[in-house]
Amino acid sequence: MTGTTRAAAPRVFFYFLRHFHKIDGIMAQALANEDLTSGQYTVLSALKRFEPCTSAELARRQNMTAQSMGEYLSALEAKGLVERNYQNGNRRNLFVTRTEKGLAMQERCDRAVLAAEEAYLARLPAEERDQFVTNLTRLYQK
C-alpha cells in the first residue's frame, strides 16, 4: 500500500470509532427492556469482575474519571442495582457491590448483550471470528 493510497483511505481509528458508535446503539437496543444504558451495563459488568471495590478503584480499572464513575454508580444505586457499604471496619472507603436485584439484572443483560454480540459477529465466517477476537484482544493489551 502506498502512502498516497493509505492517506486517501479512512483511518483505522475512524473504523474503530464508527464501530464503537454502532455497537453502542446495538447494546442500547439489547438493554432497552431493562431500562439500562450501555455505560451502566459496562459498570455492572466491571463490578462482576472486581467487586467489592471502591468507586475510585473501579474508575481506574475502567479508565474513567472518578466523577464519571460516581455518576454511573449513583444512577445504579438509585435503581437499586448496587450498594455502597463500609467493610471490615474500614471507615475510610465505601465499597461497591451489586445487590440481589443487580445480580439478576446482570444475568438478564448478559444474555441480551451476548445474543446481540453473536448476531453482530455472525457476519464474519466462523473461522474468522476467533482470529478477529484474538486480534482485538492483542490490540487492547498494553
N, C-alpha and C. Protein backbone atom coordinates (compact mmCIF):
# COMPACT_ATOMS: atom_id res chain seq x y z
N MET A 1 0.86 -1.18 0.00
CA MET A 1 0.00 0.00 0.00
C MET A 1 0.90 1.23 0.00
N THR A 2 0.67 2.15 -0.88
CA THR A 2 1.49 3.35 -0.96
C THR A 2 1.01 4.39 0.03
N GLY A 3 1.85 5.33 0.33
CA GLY A 3 1.49 6.40 1.25
C GLY A 3 0.28 7.19 0.78
N THR A 4 0.21 7.46 -0.52
CA THR A 4 -0.93 8.23 -1.02
C THR A 4 -2.22 7.42 -0.97
N THR A 5 -2.13 6.12 -1.26
CA THR A 5 -3.32 5.27 -1.18
C THR A 5 -3.81 5.20 0.26
N ARG A 6 -2.88 5.01 1.18
CA ARG A 6 -3.24 4.91 2.60
C ARG A 6 -3.87 6.20 3.11
N ALA A 7 -3.32 7.32 2.68
CA ALA A 7 -3.85 8.61 3.14
C ALA A 7 -5.27 8.84 2.63
N ALA A 8 -5.59 8.31 1.44
CA ALA A 8 -6.91 8.51 0.86
C ALA A 8 -7.96 7.62 1.52
N ALA A 9 -7.54 6.49 2.07
CA ALA A 9 -8.47 5.56 2.71
C ALA A 9 -8.80 6.05 4.12
N PRO A 10 -9.99 5.72 4.61
CA PRO A 10 -10.30 6.11 6.00
C PRO A 10 -9.28 5.50 6.98
N ARG A 11 -9.00 6.21 8.01
CA ARG A 11 -8.04 5.76 9.02
C ARG A 11 -8.63 4.60 9.83
N VAL A 12 -7.76 3.75 10.32
CA VAL A 12 -8.20 2.61 11.13
C VAL A 12 -8.96 3.10 12.36
N PHE A 13 -8.48 4.15 12.99
CA PHE A 13 -9.18 4.67 14.17
C PHE A 13 -10.60 5.14 13.82
N PHE A 14 -10.76 5.65 12.62
CA PHE A 14 -12.09 6.06 12.16
C PHE A 14 -13.03 4.85 12.16
N TYR A 15 -12.54 3.71 11.66
CA TYR A 15 -13.36 2.50 11.68
C TYR A 15 -13.68 2.06 13.10
N PHE A 16 -12.70 2.14 13.98
CA PHE A 16 -12.95 1.78 15.38
C PHE A 16 -14.03 2.68 15.99
N LEU A 17 -13.95 3.97 15.74
CA LEU A 17 -14.94 4.89 16.28
C LEU A 17 -16.32 4.62 15.71
N ARG A 18 -16.38 4.36 14.42
CA ARG A 18 -17.68 4.03 13.80
C ARG A 18 -18.26 2.76 14.39
N HIS A 19 -17.41 1.76 14.61
CA HIS A 19 -17.89 0.51 15.22
C HIS A 19 -18.31 0.74 16.66
N PHE A 20 -17.58 1.58 17.37
CA PHE A 20 -17.97 1.89 18.75
C PHE A 20 -19.39 2.45 18.78
N HIS A 21 -19.66 3.42 17.93
CA HIS A 21 -20.99 4.04 17.91
C HIS A 21 -22.06 3.04 17.47
N LYS A 22 -21.73 2.23 16.50
CA LYS A 22 -22.69 1.22 16.04
C LYS A 22 -22.97 0.21 17.15
N ILE A 23 -21.92 -0.26 17.80
CA ILE A 23 -22.07 -1.24 18.89
C ILE A 23 -22.81 -0.63 20.06
N ASP A 24 -22.55 0.62 20.36
CA ASP A 24 -23.26 1.30 21.45
C ASP A 24 -24.76 1.32 21.16
N GLY A 25 -25.13 1.58 19.91
CA GLY A 25 -26.54 1.56 19.52
C GLY A 25 -27.15 0.17 19.62
N ILE A 26 -26.39 -0.84 19.20
CA ILE A 26 -26.87 -2.22 19.29
C ILE A 26 -27.07 -2.61 20.76
N MET A 27 -26.11 -2.23 21.60
CA MET A 27 -26.25 -2.53 23.03
C MET A 27 -27.44 -1.79 23.63
N ALA A 28 -27.65 -0.55 23.22
CA ALA A 28 -28.79 0.21 23.73
C ALA A 28 -30.10 -0.50 23.40
N GLN A 29 -30.20 -1.04 22.19
CA GLN A 29 -31.40 -1.80 21.81
C GLN A 29 -31.53 -3.06 22.66
N ALA A 30 -30.43 -3.76 22.87
CA ALA A 30 -30.45 -5.01 23.64
C ALA A 30 -30.85 -4.75 25.09
N LEU A 31 -30.51 -3.57 25.60
CA LEU A 31 -30.75 -3.25 27.01
C LEU A 31 -32.02 -2.44 27.25
N ALA A 32 -32.70 -2.06 26.18
CA ALA A 32 -33.85 -1.16 26.29
C ALA A 32 -34.93 -1.69 27.22
N ASN A 33 -35.18 -2.99 27.19
CA ASN A 33 -36.22 -3.57 28.05
C ASN A 33 -35.86 -3.53 29.52
N GLU A 34 -34.59 -3.35 29.82
CA GLU A 34 -34.13 -3.33 31.21
C GLU A 34 -33.94 -1.92 31.76
N ASP A 35 -34.20 -0.90 30.94
CA ASP A 35 -34.01 0.49 31.35
C ASP A 35 -32.59 0.73 31.88
N LEU A 36 -31.63 0.25 31.11
CA LEU A 36 -30.23 0.36 31.48
C LEU A 36 -29.46 0.87 30.26
N THR A 37 -28.55 1.82 30.46
CA THR A 37 -27.72 2.30 29.36
C THR A 37 -26.53 1.36 29.17
N SER A 38 -25.89 1.47 28.02
CA SER A 38 -24.71 0.63 27.78
C SER A 38 -23.60 0.96 28.79
N GLY A 39 -23.48 2.23 29.15
CA GLY A 39 -22.48 2.61 30.16
C GLY A 39 -22.77 2.01 31.52
N GLN A 40 -24.04 2.02 31.92
CA GLN A 40 -24.42 1.42 33.20
C GLN A 40 -24.17 -0.09 33.17
N TYR A 41 -24.48 -0.71 32.05
CA TYR A 41 -24.21 -2.15 31.91
C TYR A 41 -22.71 -2.43 32.01
N THR A 42 -21.90 -1.57 31.40
CA THR A 42 -20.46 -1.74 31.45
C THR A 42 -19.95 -1.68 32.89
N VAL A 43 -20.50 -0.76 33.67
CA VAL A 43 -20.09 -0.65 35.08
C VAL A 43 -20.54 -1.89 35.86
N LEU A 44 -21.76 -2.36 35.63
CA LEU A 44 -22.20 -3.60 36.29
C LEU A 44 -21.29 -4.77 35.91
N SER A 45 -20.90 -4.83 34.65
CA SER A 45 -20.00 -5.90 34.19
C SER A 45 -18.64 -5.81 34.86
N ALA A 46 -18.15 -4.61 35.04
CA ALA A 46 -16.87 -4.43 35.74
C ALA A 46 -17.00 -4.87 37.19
N LEU A 47 -18.11 -4.55 37.81
CA LEU A 47 -18.31 -4.99 39.19
C LEU A 47 -18.33 -6.51 39.29
N LYS A 48 -18.85 -7.15 38.27
CA LYS A 48 -18.88 -8.62 38.25
C LYS A 48 -17.47 -9.17 38.41
N ARG A 49 -16.49 -8.49 37.84
CA ARG A 49 -15.10 -8.94 37.91
C ARG A 49 -14.36 -8.44 39.15
N PHE A 50 -14.69 -7.25 39.64
CA PHE A 50 -13.83 -6.60 40.63
C PHE A 50 -14.46 -6.38 42.01
N GLU A 51 -15.76 -6.63 42.17
CA GLU A 51 -16.37 -6.32 43.47
C GLU A 51 -15.86 -7.25 44.56
N PRO A 52 -15.87 -6.81 45.80
CA PRO A 52 -16.13 -5.44 46.23
C PRO A 52 -14.91 -4.56 45.95
N CYS A 53 -15.19 -3.34 45.57
CA CYS A 53 -14.11 -2.38 45.33
C CYS A 53 -14.66 -0.99 45.57
N THR A 54 -13.76 -0.04 45.68
CA THR A 54 -14.19 1.34 45.86
C THR A 54 -14.52 1.94 44.50
N SER A 55 -15.23 3.03 44.53
CA SER A 55 -15.57 3.75 43.31
C SER A 55 -14.29 4.18 42.59
N ALA A 56 -13.30 4.63 43.33
CA ALA A 56 -12.03 5.08 42.74
C ALA A 56 -11.30 3.92 42.07
N GLU A 57 -11.29 2.75 42.71
CA GLU A 57 -10.64 1.58 42.10
C GLU A 57 -11.35 1.20 40.80
N LEU A 58 -12.66 1.21 40.83
CA LEU A 58 -13.43 0.85 39.66
C LEU A 58 -13.19 1.85 38.52
N ALA A 59 -13.13 3.13 38.85
CA ALA A 59 -12.86 4.16 37.85
C ALA A 59 -11.50 3.93 37.19
N ARG A 60 -10.49 3.65 37.99
CA ARG A 60 -9.15 3.40 37.44
C ARG A 60 -9.16 2.18 36.52
N ARG A 61 -9.80 1.12 36.94
CA ARG A 61 -9.82 -0.12 36.14
C ARG A 61 -10.59 0.04 34.84
N GLN A 62 -11.53 0.98 34.81
CA GLN A 62 -12.35 1.21 33.61
C GLN A 62 -11.86 2.41 32.80
N ASN A 63 -10.74 3.00 33.21
CA ASN A 63 -10.19 4.17 32.53
C ASN A 63 -11.21 5.30 32.45
N MET A 64 -11.87 5.57 33.57
CA MET A 64 -12.86 6.64 33.68
C MET A 64 -12.41 7.62 34.73
N THR A 65 -12.98 8.80 34.68
CA THR A 65 -12.72 9.75 35.76
C THR A 65 -13.54 9.32 36.97
N ALA A 66 -13.10 9.72 38.13
CA ALA A 66 -13.83 9.41 39.36
C ALA A 66 -15.23 10.04 39.31
N GLN A 67 -15.33 11.22 38.73
CA GLN A 67 -16.62 11.90 38.63
C GLN A 67 -17.59 11.12 37.75
N SER A 68 -17.13 10.64 36.60
CA SER A 68 -18.00 9.85 35.72
C SER A 68 -18.45 8.57 36.39
N MET A 69 -17.51 7.90 37.06
CA MET A 69 -17.87 6.66 37.75
C MET A 69 -18.88 6.95 38.84
N GLY A 70 -18.69 8.04 39.57
CA GLY A 70 -19.63 8.41 40.62
C GLY A 70 -21.04 8.61 40.07
N GLU A 71 -21.12 9.22 38.89
CA GLU A 71 -22.43 9.44 38.26
C GLU A 71 -23.08 8.11 37.87
N TYR A 72 -22.30 7.21 37.29
CA TYR A 72 -22.84 5.89 36.93
C TYR A 72 -23.31 5.15 38.18
N LEU A 73 -22.48 5.16 39.21
CA LEU A 73 -22.83 4.43 40.43
C LEU A 73 -24.05 5.03 41.11
N SER A 74 -24.18 6.35 41.09
CA SER A 74 -25.36 6.99 41.67
C SER A 74 -26.63 6.55 40.94
N ALA A 75 -26.56 6.49 39.60
CA ALA A 75 -27.72 6.04 38.82
C ALA A 75 -28.05 4.58 39.12
N LEU A 76 -27.02 3.74 39.21
CA LEU A 76 -27.24 2.33 39.51
C LEU A 76 -27.77 2.14 40.93
N GLU A 77 -27.29 2.95 41.85
CA GLU A 77 -27.75 2.88 43.24
C GLU A 77 -29.22 3.32 43.33
N ALA A 78 -29.59 4.36 42.59
CA ALA A 78 -30.98 4.84 42.58
C ALA A 78 -31.93 3.78 42.03
N LYS A 79 -31.43 2.93 41.13
CA LYS A 79 -32.23 1.84 40.59
C LYS A 79 -32.21 0.59 41.47
N GLY A 80 -31.45 0.66 42.57
CA GLY A 80 -31.38 -0.47 43.49
C GLY A 80 -30.49 -1.60 42.99
N LEU A 81 -29.57 -1.31 42.08
CA LEU A 81 -28.74 -2.36 41.49
C LEU A 81 -27.38 -2.51 42.17
N VAL A 82 -26.93 -1.46 42.83
CA VAL A 82 -25.67 -1.52 43.58
C VAL A 82 -25.88 -0.86 44.94
N GLU A 83 -24.96 -1.18 45.84
CA GLU A 83 -24.97 -0.51 47.13
C GLU A 83 -23.53 -0.23 47.54
N ARG A 84 -23.37 0.76 48.39
CA ARG A 84 -22.04 1.13 48.88
C ARG A 84 -22.05 0.98 50.39
N ASN A 85 -21.09 0.22 50.88
CA ASN A 85 -21.01 -0.06 52.32
C ASN A 85 -19.56 -0.04 52.77
N TYR A 86 -19.38 0.23 54.05
CA TYR A 86 -18.07 0.06 54.65
C TYR A 86 -17.86 -1.42 54.91
N GLN A 87 -16.63 -1.90 54.75
CA GLN A 87 -16.35 -3.32 55.01
C GLN A 87 -15.18 -3.46 55.95
N ASN A 88 -15.27 -4.49 56.79
CA ASN A 88 -14.19 -4.84 57.73
C ASN A 88 -13.76 -3.67 58.60
N GLY A 89 -14.72 -2.85 59.00
CA GLY A 89 -14.43 -1.74 59.89
C GLY A 89 -13.66 -0.61 59.25
N ASN A 90 -13.43 -0.66 57.96
CA ASN A 90 -12.69 0.39 57.27
C ASN A 90 -13.65 1.54 56.98
N ARG A 91 -13.58 2.60 57.79
CA ARG A 91 -14.50 3.73 57.65
C ARG A 91 -14.01 4.77 56.65
N ARG A 92 -12.86 4.50 56.01
CA ARG A 92 -12.34 5.48 55.06
C ARG A 92 -12.83 5.23 53.64
N ASN A 93 -13.20 4.02 53.33
CA ASN A 93 -13.60 3.70 51.96
C ASN A 93 -14.96 3.02 51.92
N LEU A 94 -15.76 3.46 50.99
CA LEU A 94 -17.03 2.79 50.71
C LEU A 94 -16.79 1.78 49.60
N PHE A 95 -17.20 0.56 49.85
CA PHE A 95 -17.03 -0.49 48.86
C PHE A 95 -18.33 -0.71 48.12
N VAL A 96 -18.23 -0.87 46.81
CA VAL A 96 -19.40 -1.03 45.95
C VAL A 96 -19.60 -2.51 45.66
N THR A 97 -20.85 -2.96 45.77
CA THR A 97 -21.22 -4.32 45.38
C THR A 97 -22.58 -4.27 44.69
N ARG A 98 -22.86 -5.31 43.92
CA ARG A 98 -24.17 -5.43 43.30
C ARG A 98 -25.16 -5.99 44.32
N THR A 99 -26.38 -5.54 44.24
CA THR A 99 -27.44 -6.06 45.10
C THR A 99 -28.01 -7.33 44.44
N GLU A 100 -28.91 -7.99 45.12
CA GLU A 100 -29.58 -9.15 44.52
C GLU A 100 -30.29 -8.73 43.23
N LYS A 101 -30.94 -7.58 43.28
CA LYS A 101 -31.60 -7.05 42.09
C LYS A 101 -30.58 -6.79 40.99
N GLY A 102 -29.42 -6.28 41.36
CA GLY A 102 -28.34 -6.02 40.40
C GLY A 102 -27.79 -7.30 39.80
N LEU A 103 -27.66 -8.35 40.62
CA LEU A 103 -27.18 -9.64 40.11
C LEU A 103 -28.15 -10.21 39.09
N ALA A 104 -29.46 -10.13 39.39
CA ALA A 104 -30.47 -10.63 38.46
C ALA A 104 -30.47 -9.81 37.18
N MET A 105 -30.35 -8.50 37.31
CA MET A 105 -30.29 -7.62 36.15
C MET A 105 -29.07 -7.96 35.30
N GLN A 106 -27.95 -8.20 35.95
CA GLN A 106 -26.71 -8.55 35.25
C GLN A 106 -26.91 -9.81 34.40
N GLU A 107 -27.53 -10.82 34.96
CA GLU A 107 -27.75 -12.07 34.23
C GLU A 107 -28.63 -11.85 33.00
N ARG A 108 -29.72 -11.11 33.17
CA ARG A 108 -30.61 -10.85 32.04
C ARG A 108 -29.89 -10.04 30.95
N CYS A 109 -29.17 -9.03 31.38
CA CYS A 109 -28.46 -8.17 30.42
C CYS A 109 -27.34 -8.93 29.72
N ASP A 110 -26.62 -9.78 30.45
CA ASP A 110 -25.56 -10.58 29.84
C ASP A 110 -26.13 -11.42 28.70
N ARG A 111 -27.28 -12.04 28.92
CA ARG A 111 -27.90 -12.86 27.87
C ARG A 111 -28.28 -12.00 26.66
N ALA A 112 -28.87 -10.84 26.92
CA ALA A 112 -29.30 -9.96 25.82
C ALA A 112 -28.10 -9.43 25.04
N VAL A 113 -27.06 -9.03 25.72
CA VAL A 113 -25.87 -8.49 25.05
C VAL A 113 -25.12 -9.59 24.31
N LEU A 114 -25.06 -10.79 24.88
CA LEU A 114 -24.40 -11.90 24.19
C LEU A 114 -25.13 -12.23 22.89
N ALA A 115 -26.45 -12.25 22.93
CA ALA A 115 -27.23 -12.52 21.71
C ALA A 115 -26.96 -11.43 20.66
N ALA A 116 -26.92 -10.18 21.09
CA ALA A 116 -26.64 -9.08 20.15
C ALA A 116 -25.22 -9.19 19.59
N GLU A 117 -24.28 -9.54 20.44
CA GLU A 117 -22.89 -9.70 20.00
C GLU A 117 -22.77 -10.83 18.99
N GLU A 118 -23.42 -11.95 19.26
CA GLU A 118 -23.36 -13.09 18.34
C GLU A 118 -23.98 -12.72 16.99
N ALA A 119 -25.08 -12.00 17.01
CA ALA A 119 -25.72 -11.58 15.75
C ALA A 119 -24.80 -10.63 14.98
N TYR A 120 -24.12 -9.74 15.68
CA TYR A 120 -23.22 -8.79 15.03
C TYR A 120 -22.03 -9.51 14.40
N LEU A 121 -21.45 -10.45 15.13
CA LEU A 121 -20.28 -11.17 14.64
C LEU A 121 -20.62 -12.23 13.61
N ALA A 122 -21.89 -12.59 13.50
CA ALA A 122 -22.32 -13.64 12.56
C ALA A 122 -22.04 -13.24 11.12
N ARG A 123 -21.79 -11.98 10.86
CA ARG A 123 -21.47 -11.54 9.51
C ARG A 123 -20.09 -12.01 9.07
N LEU A 124 -19.27 -12.40 10.03
CA LEU A 124 -17.95 -12.95 9.71
C LEU A 124 -18.05 -14.47 9.62
N PRO A 125 -17.30 -15.08 8.72
CA PRO A 125 -17.26 -16.55 8.71
C PRO A 125 -16.76 -17.06 10.07
N ALA A 126 -17.29 -18.19 10.51
CA ALA A 126 -16.98 -18.73 11.84
C ALA A 126 -15.48 -18.83 12.09
N GLU A 127 -14.72 -19.30 11.09
CA GLU A 127 -13.29 -19.48 11.29
C GLU A 127 -12.55 -18.15 11.45
N GLU A 128 -13.15 -17.05 10.99
CA GLU A 128 -12.51 -15.74 11.13
C GLU A 128 -12.86 -15.05 12.45
N ARG A 129 -13.97 -15.44 13.08
CA ARG A 129 -14.41 -14.78 14.31
C ARG A 129 -13.38 -14.92 15.42
N ASP A 130 -12.89 -16.14 15.64
CA ASP A 130 -11.92 -16.36 16.72
C ASP A 130 -10.66 -15.53 16.50
N GLN A 131 -10.19 -15.49 15.26
CA GLN A 131 -8.99 -14.70 14.97
C GLN A 131 -9.26 -13.22 15.15
N PHE A 132 -10.44 -12.78 14.78
CA PHE A 132 -10.82 -11.37 14.95
C PHE A 132 -10.79 -10.99 16.43
N VAL A 133 -11.40 -11.82 17.27
CA VAL A 133 -11.42 -11.55 18.71
C VAL A 133 -10.00 -11.61 19.28
N THR A 134 -9.22 -12.56 18.84
CA THR A 134 -7.83 -12.66 19.29
C THR A 134 -7.06 -11.39 18.93
N ASN A 135 -7.24 -10.92 17.71
CA ASN A 135 -6.54 -9.70 17.28
C ASN A 135 -7.00 -8.47 18.06
N LEU A 136 -8.30 -8.36 18.31
CA LEU A 136 -8.80 -7.23 19.11
C LEU A 136 -8.19 -7.27 20.52
N THR A 137 -8.13 -8.46 21.08
CA THR A 137 -7.55 -8.62 22.43
C THR A 137 -6.09 -8.21 22.43
N ARG A 138 -5.35 -8.62 21.42
CA ARG A 138 -3.93 -8.26 21.33
C ARG A 138 -3.76 -6.75 21.20
N LEU A 139 -4.61 -6.11 20.42
CA LEU A 139 -4.51 -4.65 20.25
C LEU A 139 -4.85 -3.92 21.55
N TYR A 140 -5.74 -4.49 22.34
CA TYR A 140 -6.17 -3.83 23.57
C TYR A 140 -5.11 -3.91 24.67
N GLN A 141 -4.37 -5.00 24.69
CA GLN A 141 -3.37 -5.18 25.74
C GLN A 141 -2.30 -4.10 25.65
N LYS A 142 -1.87 -3.67 26.82
CA LYS A 142 -0.85 -2.60 26.88
C LYS A 142 0.53 -3.11 26.57
